[in-house]
Amino acid sequence: GGDTTTDNLQAAVKYDDFFTDKFYGYANAGYYHDRIAQLNYRLTPGVGVGYKWIEQKNLNFYTEAGVSYLYENYRDNPVDQHTSFRLAYHVDYALNDQVSLFNDAEYIAPFRFGQTDRYVLSADAGIRANLTKNFFTEFKVVYQRNDHPVPGTLKDDLFYTLGVGWQF
């Protein structure tokens, strides 16, 4: 046998409502579980605003800023919870009607002046293939950093995922 180096699960939902052609509000929620990092689950519900800087047939770029509630439940450690600010961006480039490249990043940090060691950073890059109008598959490389992990675990994590999704 070998050592298990990855055992995680993540899910996210998001709703956008546009105020103008480019400016919108959003509500989102994220769930993340990582057995290796001793994280039973991390919940990140939040609200905020976003702006679409580029919206073209083959290229899109937007940024978001908002407030999230960061709730982390670790095995054998106390719950860690904070009201936090969230910064994010997304860019995608369509190679054709079915295949596109993408890159995302999200930074969540508590509202604590002078304390910068509690942030969570997640970034990915990948390729998505549309199987139908709403159903897709994607392969991506994901980098995550929890700057305040529980003792005995690493701050940085790099992994690859192959998954499917549904877009409304």
N, C-alpha and C. Protein backbone atom coordinates (compact mmCIF):
# COMPACT_ATOMS: atom_id res chain seq x y z
N GLY A 1 0.82 -1.17 0.00
CA GLY A 1 0.00 0.00 0.00
C GLY A 1 0.87 1.25 0.00
N GLY A 2 0.23 2.34 -0.35
CA GLY A 2 0.90 3.64 -0.37
C GLY A 2 0.21 4.61 0.55
N ASP A 3 0.76 5.78 0.64
CA ASP A 3 0.18 6.82 1.47
C ASP A 3 -0.85 7.60 0.67
N THR A 4 -1.97 7.94 1.31
CA THR A 4 -2.97 8.80 0.69
C THR A 4 -2.50 10.24 0.82
N THR A 5 -2.39 10.94 -0.30
CA THR A 5 -1.91 12.32 -0.27
C THR A 5 -3.00 13.33 -0.56
N THR A 6 -4.15 12.87 -1.08
CA THR A 6 -5.26 13.77 -1.37
C THR A 6 -6.57 13.10 -1.01
N ASP A 7 -7.42 13.79 -0.28
CA ASP A 7 -8.75 13.30 0.05
C ASP A 7 -9.60 14.52 0.37
N ASN A 8 -10.16 15.14 -0.67
CA ASN A 8 -10.95 16.34 -0.45
C ASN A 8 -12.20 16.35 -1.31
N LEU A 9 -13.10 17.25 -0.98
CA LEU A 9 -14.36 17.42 -1.69
C LEU A 9 -14.71 18.88 -1.63
N GLN A 10 -15.16 19.45 -2.74
CA GLN A 10 -15.59 20.84 -2.72
C GLN A 10 -16.82 21.02 -3.58
N ALA A 11 -17.64 22.00 -3.21
CA ALA A 11 -18.85 22.34 -3.96
C ALA A 11 -19.10 23.83 -3.78
N ALA A 12 -19.72 24.43 -4.78
CA ALA A 12 -20.02 25.86 -4.71
C ALA A 12 -21.29 26.16 -5.49
N VAL A 13 -22.03 27.16 -5.02
CA VAL A 13 -23.19 27.69 -5.73
C VAL A 13 -23.08 29.20 -5.74
N LYS A 14 -23.65 29.82 -6.78
CA LYS A 14 -23.58 31.27 -6.89
C LYS A 14 -24.78 31.78 -7.68
N TYR A 15 -25.30 32.92 -7.25
CA TYR A 15 -26.39 33.58 -7.96
C TYR A 15 -25.97 35.01 -8.24
N ASP A 16 -26.11 35.46 -9.51
CA ASP A 16 -25.79 36.83 -9.92
C ASP A 16 -27.07 37.56 -10.30
N ASP A 17 -27.11 38.85 -10.01
CA ASP A 17 -28.21 39.72 -10.45
C ASP A 17 -27.59 41.02 -10.95
N PHE A 18 -27.75 41.29 -12.26
CA PHE A 18 -27.10 42.45 -12.88
C PHE A 18 -27.91 43.72 -12.65
N PHE A 19 -27.21 44.76 -12.20
CA PHE A 19 -27.80 46.09 -12.03
C PHE A 19 -27.69 46.88 -13.32
N THR A 20 -26.58 46.71 -14.04
CA THR A 20 -26.34 47.32 -15.34
C THR A 20 -25.79 46.22 -16.24
N ASP A 21 -25.34 46.56 -17.43
CA ASP A 21 -24.76 45.55 -18.33
C ASP A 21 -23.49 44.94 -17.76
N LYS A 22 -22.76 45.67 -16.92
CA LYS A 22 -21.48 45.20 -16.42
C LYS A 22 -21.40 45.03 -14.90
N PHE A 23 -22.21 45.74 -14.15
CA PHE A 23 -22.15 45.76 -12.69
C PHE A 23 -23.24 44.86 -12.11
N TYR A 24 -22.87 43.98 -11.18
CA TYR A 24 -23.84 43.02 -10.64
C TYR A 24 -23.61 42.77 -9.15
N GLY A 25 -24.62 42.22 -8.53
CA GLY A 25 -24.51 41.74 -7.16
C GLY A 25 -24.53 40.23 -7.18
N TYR A 26 -23.99 39.62 -6.14
CA TYR A 26 -23.98 38.16 -6.10
C TYR A 26 -24.20 37.66 -4.67
N ALA A 27 -24.67 36.44 -4.58
CA ALA A 27 -24.72 35.69 -3.34
C ALA A 27 -24.09 34.34 -3.67
N ASN A 28 -23.20 33.88 -2.80
CA ASN A 28 -22.55 32.60 -3.06
C ASN A 28 -22.37 31.81 -1.78
N ALA A 29 -22.03 30.55 -1.94
CA ALA A 29 -21.72 29.69 -0.80
C ALA A 29 -20.75 28.62 -1.29
N GLY A 30 -19.75 28.37 -0.48
CA GLY A 30 -18.78 27.34 -0.80
C GLY A 30 -18.68 26.34 0.33
N TYR A 31 -18.36 25.10 -0.03
CA TYR A 31 -18.16 24.02 0.93
C TYR A 31 -16.86 23.33 0.54
N TYR A 32 -16.01 23.06 1.53
CA TYR A 32 -14.75 22.37 1.25
C TYR A 32 -14.43 21.42 2.40
N HIS A 33 -14.03 20.20 2.06
CA HIS A 33 -13.63 19.18 3.04
C HIS A 33 -12.26 18.68 2.62
N ASP A 34 -11.34 18.53 3.58
CA ASP A 34 -10.00 18.03 3.28
C ASP A 34 -9.54 17.17 4.45
N ARG A 35 -9.65 15.86 4.29
CA ARG A 35 -9.30 14.94 5.37
C ARG A 35 -7.81 15.03 5.73
N ILE A 36 -6.95 15.20 4.72
CA ILE A 36 -5.50 15.25 4.98
C ILE A 36 -5.14 16.49 5.81
N ALA A 37 -5.82 17.61 5.57
CA ALA A 37 -5.57 18.84 6.34
C ALA A 37 -6.36 18.88 7.64
N GLN A 38 -7.01 17.74 8.01
CA GLN A 38 -7.83 17.63 9.22
C GLN A 38 -9.01 18.60 9.23
N LEU A 39 -9.45 19.03 8.05
CA LEU A 39 -10.57 19.95 7.94
C LEU A 39 -11.85 19.16 7.68
N ASN A 40 -12.71 19.09 8.71
CA ASN A 40 -14.00 18.42 8.52
C ASN A 40 -14.80 19.14 7.44
N TYR A 41 -14.88 20.49 7.57
CA TYR A 41 -15.49 21.29 6.52
C TYR A 41 -15.21 22.77 6.73
N ARG A 42 -15.21 23.47 5.60
CA ARG A 42 -15.12 24.93 5.58
C ARG A 42 -16.35 25.43 4.82
N LEU A 43 -17.08 26.32 5.44
CA LEU A 43 -18.24 26.95 4.80
C LEU A 43 -17.92 28.42 4.57
N THR A 44 -18.29 28.93 3.39
CA THR A 44 -18.01 30.34 3.07
C THR A 44 -19.21 30.97 2.36
N PRO A 45 -20.33 31.17 3.06
CA PRO A 45 -21.42 31.92 2.44
C PRO A 45 -21.07 33.41 2.38
N GLY A 46 -21.55 34.09 1.34
CA GLY A 46 -21.23 35.51 1.24
C GLY A 46 -22.07 36.26 0.23
N VAL A 47 -21.91 37.57 0.24
CA VAL A 47 -22.58 38.47 -0.71
C VAL A 47 -21.57 39.53 -1.14
N GLY A 48 -21.82 40.12 -2.31
CA GLY A 48 -20.91 41.16 -2.77
C GLY A 48 -21.31 41.71 -4.12
N VAL A 49 -20.38 42.41 -4.74
CA VAL A 49 -20.61 43.01 -6.04
C VAL A 49 -19.49 42.58 -6.98
N GLY A 50 -19.81 42.63 -8.27
CA GLY A 50 -18.82 42.28 -9.27
C GLY A 50 -18.92 43.21 -10.46
N TYR A 51 -17.88 43.19 -11.28
CA TYR A 51 -17.85 44.03 -12.48
C TYR A 51 -17.24 43.23 -13.63
N LYS A 52 -17.96 43.19 -14.75
CA LYS A 52 -17.46 42.51 -15.96
C LYS A 52 -16.67 43.52 -16.77
N TRP A 53 -15.35 43.39 -16.74
CA TRP A 53 -14.47 44.29 -17.46
C TRP A 53 -14.45 43.98 -18.95
N ILE A 54 -14.47 42.69 -19.29
CA ILE A 54 -14.48 42.26 -20.69
C ILE A 54 -15.55 41.19 -20.85
N GLU A 55 -16.42 41.38 -21.80
CA GLU A 55 -17.45 40.38 -22.11
C GLU A 55 -17.55 40.29 -23.63
N GLN A 56 -16.87 39.30 -24.17
CA GLN A 56 -16.86 39.08 -25.61
C GLN A 56 -17.20 37.61 -25.87
N LYS A 57 -17.41 37.30 -27.14
CA LYS A 57 -17.77 35.92 -27.50
C LYS A 57 -16.69 34.93 -27.05
N ASN A 58 -15.42 35.30 -27.19
CA ASN A 58 -14.36 34.35 -26.86
C ASN A 58 -13.51 34.74 -25.63
N LEU A 59 -13.80 35.89 -25.00
CA LEU A 59 -13.00 36.32 -23.85
C LEU A 59 -13.88 37.02 -22.81
N ASN A 60 -13.75 36.59 -21.56
CA ASN A 60 -14.48 37.21 -20.45
C ASN A 60 -13.53 37.42 -19.27
N PHE A 61 -13.70 38.56 -18.60
CA PHE A 61 -12.90 38.84 -17.40
C PHE A 61 -13.76 39.64 -16.43
N TYR A 62 -13.86 39.17 -15.18
CA TYR A 62 -14.58 39.93 -14.17
C TYR A 62 -13.89 39.82 -12.82
N THR A 63 -14.18 40.81 -11.97
CA THR A 63 -13.65 40.85 -10.61
C THR A 63 -14.82 40.98 -9.64
N GLU A 64 -14.59 40.53 -8.40
CA GLU A 64 -15.63 40.59 -7.38
C GLU A 64 -15.03 41.01 -6.04
N ALA A 65 -15.83 41.67 -5.23
CA ALA A 65 -15.46 42.04 -3.86
C ALA A 65 -16.69 41.91 -2.99
N GLY A 66 -16.51 41.37 -1.79
CA GLY A 66 -17.67 41.20 -0.93
C GLY A 66 -17.30 40.81 0.48
N VAL A 67 -18.33 40.36 1.19
CA VAL A 67 -18.20 39.93 2.58
C VAL A 67 -18.61 38.46 2.65
N SER A 68 -17.79 37.66 3.32
CA SER A 68 -18.07 36.24 3.51
C SER A 68 -17.99 35.90 4.98
N TYR A 69 -18.67 34.85 5.34
CA TYR A 69 -18.54 34.30 6.68
C TYR A 69 -17.68 33.05 6.55
N LEU A 70 -16.50 33.05 7.14
CA LEU A 70 -15.57 31.93 7.05
C LEU A 70 -15.73 31.07 8.29
N TYR A 71 -16.23 29.84 8.10
CA TYR A 71 -16.47 28.92 9.20
C TYR A 71 -15.68 27.64 8.93
N GLU A 72 -14.69 27.34 9.79
CA GLU A 72 -13.86 26.16 9.61
C GLU A 72 -13.99 25.23 10.82
N ASN A 73 -14.33 23.98 10.55
CA ASN A 73 -14.48 22.96 11.58
C ASN A 73 -13.38 21.92 11.37
N TYR A 74 -12.41 21.91 12.28
CA TYR A 74 -11.28 20.99 12.19
C TYR A 74 -11.45 19.83 13.16
N ARG A 75 -10.91 18.68 12.79
CA ARG A 75 -10.88 17.52 13.67
C ARG A 75 -9.96 17.81 14.84
N ASP A 76 -10.40 17.55 16.05
CA ASP A 76 -9.59 17.69 17.26
C ASP A 76 -9.09 19.11 17.52
N ASN A 77 -9.73 20.12 16.93
CA ASN A 77 -9.35 21.50 17.16
C ASN A 77 -10.61 22.35 17.26
N PRO A 78 -10.53 23.50 17.91
CA PRO A 78 -11.74 24.33 18.03
C PRO A 78 -12.17 24.89 16.66
N VAL A 79 -13.46 25.17 16.59
CA VAL A 79 -14.01 25.81 15.38
C VAL A 79 -13.39 27.19 15.23
N ASP A 80 -13.08 27.56 13.99
CA ASP A 80 -12.53 28.87 13.68
C ASP A 80 -13.54 29.58 12.78
N GLN A 81 -14.05 30.74 13.22
CA GLN A 81 -15.06 31.44 12.43
C GLN A 81 -14.83 32.94 12.48
N HIS A 82 -15.02 33.58 11.30
CA HIS A 82 -14.75 35.02 11.18
C HIS A 82 -15.63 35.63 10.09
N THR A 83 -16.02 36.85 10.30
CA THR A 83 -16.56 37.65 9.21
C THR A 83 -15.35 38.13 8.41
N SER A 84 -15.39 37.94 7.10
CA SER A 84 -14.21 38.16 6.27
C SER A 84 -14.54 38.96 5.03
N PHE A 85 -13.52 39.55 4.43
CA PHE A 85 -13.73 40.15 3.12
C PHE A 85 -13.26 39.17 2.07
N ARG A 86 -13.83 39.27 0.87
CA ARG A 86 -13.53 38.35 -0.23
C ARG A 86 -13.19 39.15 -1.47
N LEU A 87 -12.09 38.79 -2.12
CA LEU A 87 -11.70 39.33 -3.41
C LEU A 87 -11.54 38.15 -4.37
N ALA A 88 -12.01 38.31 -5.62
CA ALA A 88 -11.91 37.22 -6.57
C ALA A 88 -11.85 37.76 -7.99
N TYR A 89 -11.34 36.92 -8.89
CA TYR A 89 -11.43 37.24 -10.31
C TYR A 89 -11.63 35.95 -11.11
N HIS A 90 -12.13 36.11 -12.32
CA HIS A 90 -12.32 35.00 -13.25
C HIS A 90 -11.98 35.49 -14.65
N VAL A 91 -11.30 34.65 -15.40
CA VAL A 91 -11.04 34.93 -16.82
C VAL A 91 -11.22 33.63 -17.57
N ASP A 92 -11.85 33.70 -18.75
CA ASP A 92 -11.95 32.53 -19.60
C ASP A 92 -11.74 32.94 -21.05
N TYR A 93 -11.21 32.01 -21.82
CA TYR A 93 -10.94 32.24 -23.24
C TYR A 93 -11.42 31.02 -24.02
N ALA A 94 -12.36 31.25 -24.95
CA ALA A 94 -12.93 30.16 -25.73
C ALA A 94 -12.04 29.84 -26.92
N LEU A 95 -11.62 28.60 -27.01
CA LEU A 95 -10.86 28.14 -28.16
C LEU A 95 -11.78 27.88 -29.35
N ASN A 96 -13.00 27.41 -29.06
CA ASN A 96 -14.07 27.23 -30.05
C ASN A 96 -15.39 27.18 -29.30
N ASP A 97 -16.45 26.73 -29.94
CA ASP A 97 -17.77 26.73 -29.29
C ASP A 97 -17.89 25.74 -28.13
N GLN A 98 -17.04 24.72 -28.10
CA GLN A 98 -17.14 23.70 -27.06
C GLN A 98 -16.03 23.75 -26.02
N VAL A 99 -14.87 24.27 -26.34
CA VAL A 99 -13.71 24.17 -25.44
C VAL A 99 -13.21 25.56 -25.06
N SER A 100 -12.93 25.73 -23.75
CA SER A 100 -12.39 27.01 -23.28
C SER A 100 -11.35 26.77 -22.19
N LEU A 101 -10.47 27.75 -22.04
CA LEU A 101 -9.48 27.77 -20.98
C LEU A 101 -9.97 28.75 -19.91
N PHE A 102 -9.62 28.52 -18.64
CA PHE A 102 -10.06 29.43 -17.58
C PHE A 102 -9.03 29.54 -16.48
N ASN A 103 -9.16 30.62 -15.71
CA ASN A 103 -8.32 30.87 -14.54
C ASN A 103 -9.16 31.63 -13.53
N ASP A 104 -9.12 31.17 -12.28
CA ASP A 104 -9.87 31.80 -11.19
C ASP A 104 -8.95 31.99 -9.99
N ALA A 105 -9.24 32.98 -9.17
CA ALA A 105 -8.56 33.14 -7.89
C ALA A 105 -9.53 33.74 -6.90
N GLU A 106 -9.41 33.32 -5.64
CA GLU A 106 -10.26 33.83 -4.57
C GLU A 106 -9.41 33.99 -3.32
N TYR A 107 -9.55 35.14 -2.65
CA TYR A 107 -8.82 35.46 -1.43
C TYR A 107 -9.84 35.84 -0.37
N ILE A 108 -9.82 35.13 0.75
CA ILE A 108 -10.74 35.41 1.86
C ILE A 108 -9.91 35.63 3.11
N ALA A 109 -10.11 36.77 3.78
CA ALA A 109 -9.36 37.09 4.99
C ALA A 109 -10.27 37.78 6.01
N PRO A 110 -10.10 37.48 7.29
CA PRO A 110 -10.93 38.10 8.33
C PRO A 110 -10.75 39.60 8.40
N PHE A 111 -11.79 40.28 8.86
CA PHE A 111 -11.71 41.71 9.15
C PHE A 111 -10.97 41.88 10.47
N ARG A 112 -9.65 41.85 10.41
CA ARG A 112 -8.82 42.04 11.61
C ARG A 112 -7.66 42.92 11.22
N PHE A 113 -7.64 44.12 11.71
CA PHE A 113 -6.57 45.04 11.38
C PHE A 113 -5.27 44.58 12.02
N GLY A 114 -4.21 44.55 11.25
CA GLY A 114 -2.91 44.17 11.76
C GLY A 114 -2.65 42.68 11.81
N GLN A 115 -3.66 41.85 11.52
CA GLN A 115 -3.46 40.40 11.53
C GLN A 115 -3.66 39.88 10.12
N THR A 116 -2.59 39.44 9.50
CA THR A 116 -2.67 39.00 8.10
C THR A 116 -2.39 37.51 7.93
N ASP A 117 -2.38 36.74 9.02
CA ASP A 117 -2.00 35.33 8.91
C ASP A 117 -3.18 34.37 8.96
N ARG A 118 -4.36 34.81 8.64
CA ARG A 118 -5.52 33.93 8.69
C ARG A 118 -6.22 33.81 7.34
N TYR A 119 -5.57 34.16 6.28
CA TYR A 119 -6.25 34.16 4.99
C TYR A 119 -6.31 32.76 4.36
N VAL A 120 -7.26 32.61 3.44
CA VAL A 120 -7.40 31.41 2.63
C VAL A 120 -7.35 31.87 1.18
N LEU A 121 -6.44 31.29 0.40
CA LEU A 121 -6.27 31.62 -1.01
C LEU A 121 -6.50 30.37 -1.84
N SER A 122 -7.28 30.51 -2.90
CA SER A 122 -7.51 29.40 -3.81
C SER A 122 -7.37 29.93 -5.23
N ALA A 123 -6.62 29.22 -6.06
CA ALA A 123 -6.45 29.61 -7.46
C ALA A 123 -6.47 28.35 -8.32
N ASP A 124 -7.03 28.47 -9.51
CA ASP A 124 -7.04 27.32 -10.41
C ASP A 124 -6.83 27.78 -11.84
N ALA A 125 -6.48 26.83 -12.68
CA ALA A 125 -6.37 27.05 -14.12
C ALA A 125 -6.73 25.73 -14.78
N GLY A 126 -7.48 25.81 -15.88
CA GLY A 126 -7.88 24.55 -16.49
C GLY A 126 -8.50 24.71 -17.86
N ILE A 127 -9.08 23.60 -18.29
CA ILE A 127 -9.75 23.52 -19.58
C ILE A 127 -11.13 22.91 -19.37
N ARG A 128 -12.13 23.50 -20.04
CA ARG A 128 -13.52 23.06 -19.91
C ARG A 128 -14.04 22.67 -21.28
N ALA A 129 -14.77 21.57 -21.33
CA ALA A 129 -15.40 21.12 -22.57
C ALA A 129 -16.90 21.01 -22.33
N ASN A 130 -17.70 21.74 -23.12
CA ASN A 130 -19.15 21.66 -23.01
C ASN A 130 -19.63 20.39 -23.69
N LEU A 131 -20.38 19.57 -22.95
CA LEU A 131 -20.93 18.34 -23.49
C LEU A 131 -22.33 18.58 -24.06
N THR A 132 -23.09 19.45 -23.39
CA THR A 132 -24.39 19.92 -23.88
C THR A 132 -24.45 21.41 -23.58
N LYS A 133 -25.62 22.02 -23.73
CA LYS A 133 -25.77 23.45 -23.45
C LYS A 133 -25.44 23.77 -21.99
N ASN A 134 -25.83 22.89 -21.06
CA ASN A 134 -25.63 23.16 -19.63
C ASN A 134 -24.61 22.24 -18.95
N PHE A 135 -24.36 21.07 -19.48
CA PHE A 135 -23.53 20.06 -18.86
C PHE A 135 -22.10 20.15 -19.42
N PHE A 136 -21.09 20.14 -18.52
CA PHE A 136 -19.70 20.27 -18.97
C PHE A 136 -18.79 19.36 -18.17
N THR A 137 -17.60 19.15 -18.68
CA THR A 137 -16.53 18.47 -17.96
C THR A 137 -15.32 19.39 -17.98
N GLU A 138 -14.49 19.27 -16.94
CA GLU A 138 -13.30 20.12 -16.90
C GLU A 138 -12.16 19.43 -16.16
N PHE A 139 -10.96 19.81 -16.57
CA PHE A 139 -9.74 19.39 -15.90
C PHE A 139 -9.07 20.66 -15.42
N LYS A 140 -8.62 20.66 -14.15
CA LYS A 140 -7.96 21.85 -13.65
C LYS A 140 -6.88 21.52 -12.64
N VAL A 141 -5.94 22.45 -12.53
CA VAL A 141 -4.89 22.43 -11.53
C VAL A 141 -5.31 23.44 -10.46
N VAL A 142 -5.30 23.02 -9.21
CA VAL A 142 -5.77 23.87 -8.12
C VAL A 142 -4.65 24.06 -7.09
N TYR A 143 -4.42 25.32 -6.71
CA TYR A 143 -3.49 25.65 -5.64
C TYR A 143 -4.30 26.28 -4.52
N GLN A 144 -4.10 25.78 -3.30
CA GLN A 144 -4.78 26.36 -2.14
C GLN A 144 -3.76 26.63 -1.05
N ARG A 145 -3.99 27.74 -0.35
CA ARG A 145 -3.14 28.09 0.78
C ARG A 145 -4.02 28.52 1.94
N ASN A 146 -3.84 27.86 3.06
CA ASN A 146 -4.47 28.25 4.32
C ASN A 146 -3.33 28.74 5.19
N ASP A 147 -3.24 30.04 5.39
CA ASP A 147 -2.08 30.60 6.07
C ASP A 147 -2.09 30.35 7.58
N HIS A 148 -3.13 29.71 8.09
CA HIS A 148 -3.17 29.39 9.52
C HIS A 148 -3.73 27.96 9.67
N PRO A 149 -2.99 26.95 9.21
CA PRO A 149 -3.50 25.58 9.33
C PRO A 149 -3.37 25.06 10.76
N VAL A 150 -4.02 23.95 11.01
CA VAL A 150 -3.88 23.33 12.34
C VAL A 150 -2.48 22.74 12.45
N PRO A 151 -1.96 22.59 13.66
CA PRO A 151 -0.61 22.03 13.84
C PRO A 151 -0.48 20.65 13.18
N GLY A 152 0.65 20.44 12.53
CA GLY A 152 0.91 19.16 11.89
C GLY A 152 0.44 19.06 10.46
N THR A 153 -0.14 20.13 9.91
CA THR A 153 -0.58 20.11 8.52
C THR A 153 0.13 21.22 7.75
N LEU A 154 0.10 21.10 6.43
CA LEU A 154 0.81 22.05 5.58
C LEU A 154 -0.07 23.25 5.22
N LYS A 155 0.57 24.38 4.97
CA LYS A 155 -0.14 25.57 4.52
C LYS A 155 -0.58 25.47 3.07
N ASP A 156 0.26 24.84 2.24
CA ASP A 156 0.03 24.82 0.79
C ASP A 156 -0.43 23.45 0.32
N ASP A 157 -1.28 23.47 -0.71
CA ASP A 157 -1.80 22.25 -1.30
C ASP A 157 -1.93 22.46 -2.80
N LEU A 158 -1.44 21.53 -3.58
CA LEU A 158 -1.55 21.57 -5.03
C LEU A 158 -2.12 20.24 -5.49
N PHE A 159 -3.22 20.30 -6.26
CA PHE A 159 -3.82 19.06 -6.74
C PHE A 159 -4.48 19.28 -8.09
N TYR A 160 -4.86 18.17 -8.72
CA TYR A 160 -5.48 18.17 -10.04
C TYR A 160 -6.85 17.53 -9.91
N THR A 161 -7.83 18.08 -10.64
CA THR A 161 -9.16 17.49 -10.60
C THR A 161 -9.70 17.31 -12.02
N LEU A 162 -10.49 16.29 -12.16
CA LEU A 162 -11.25 16.03 -13.38
C LEU A 162 -12.68 15.86 -12.91
N GLY A 163 -13.57 16.72 -13.38
CA GLY A 163 -14.94 16.68 -12.88
C GLY A 163 -15.96 17.06 -13.93
N VAL A 164 -17.19 17.05 -13.49
CA VAL A 164 -18.32 17.45 -14.33
C VAL A 164 -19.10 18.51 -13.59
N GLY A 165 -19.88 19.29 -14.32
CA GLY A 165 -20.68 20.35 -13.71
C GLY A 165 -21.91 20.67 -14.53
N TRP A 166 -22.77 21.44 -13.92
CA TRP A 166 -24.02 21.88 -14.53
C TRP A 166 -24.10 23.38 -14.38
N GLN A 167 -24.30 24.09 -15.48
CA GLN A 167 -24.38 25.55 -15.46
C GLN A 167 -25.74 25.99 -15.96
N PHE A 168 -26.38 26.89 -15.21
CA PHE A 168 -27.72 27.38 -15.59
C PHE A 168 -27.59 28.59 -16.49
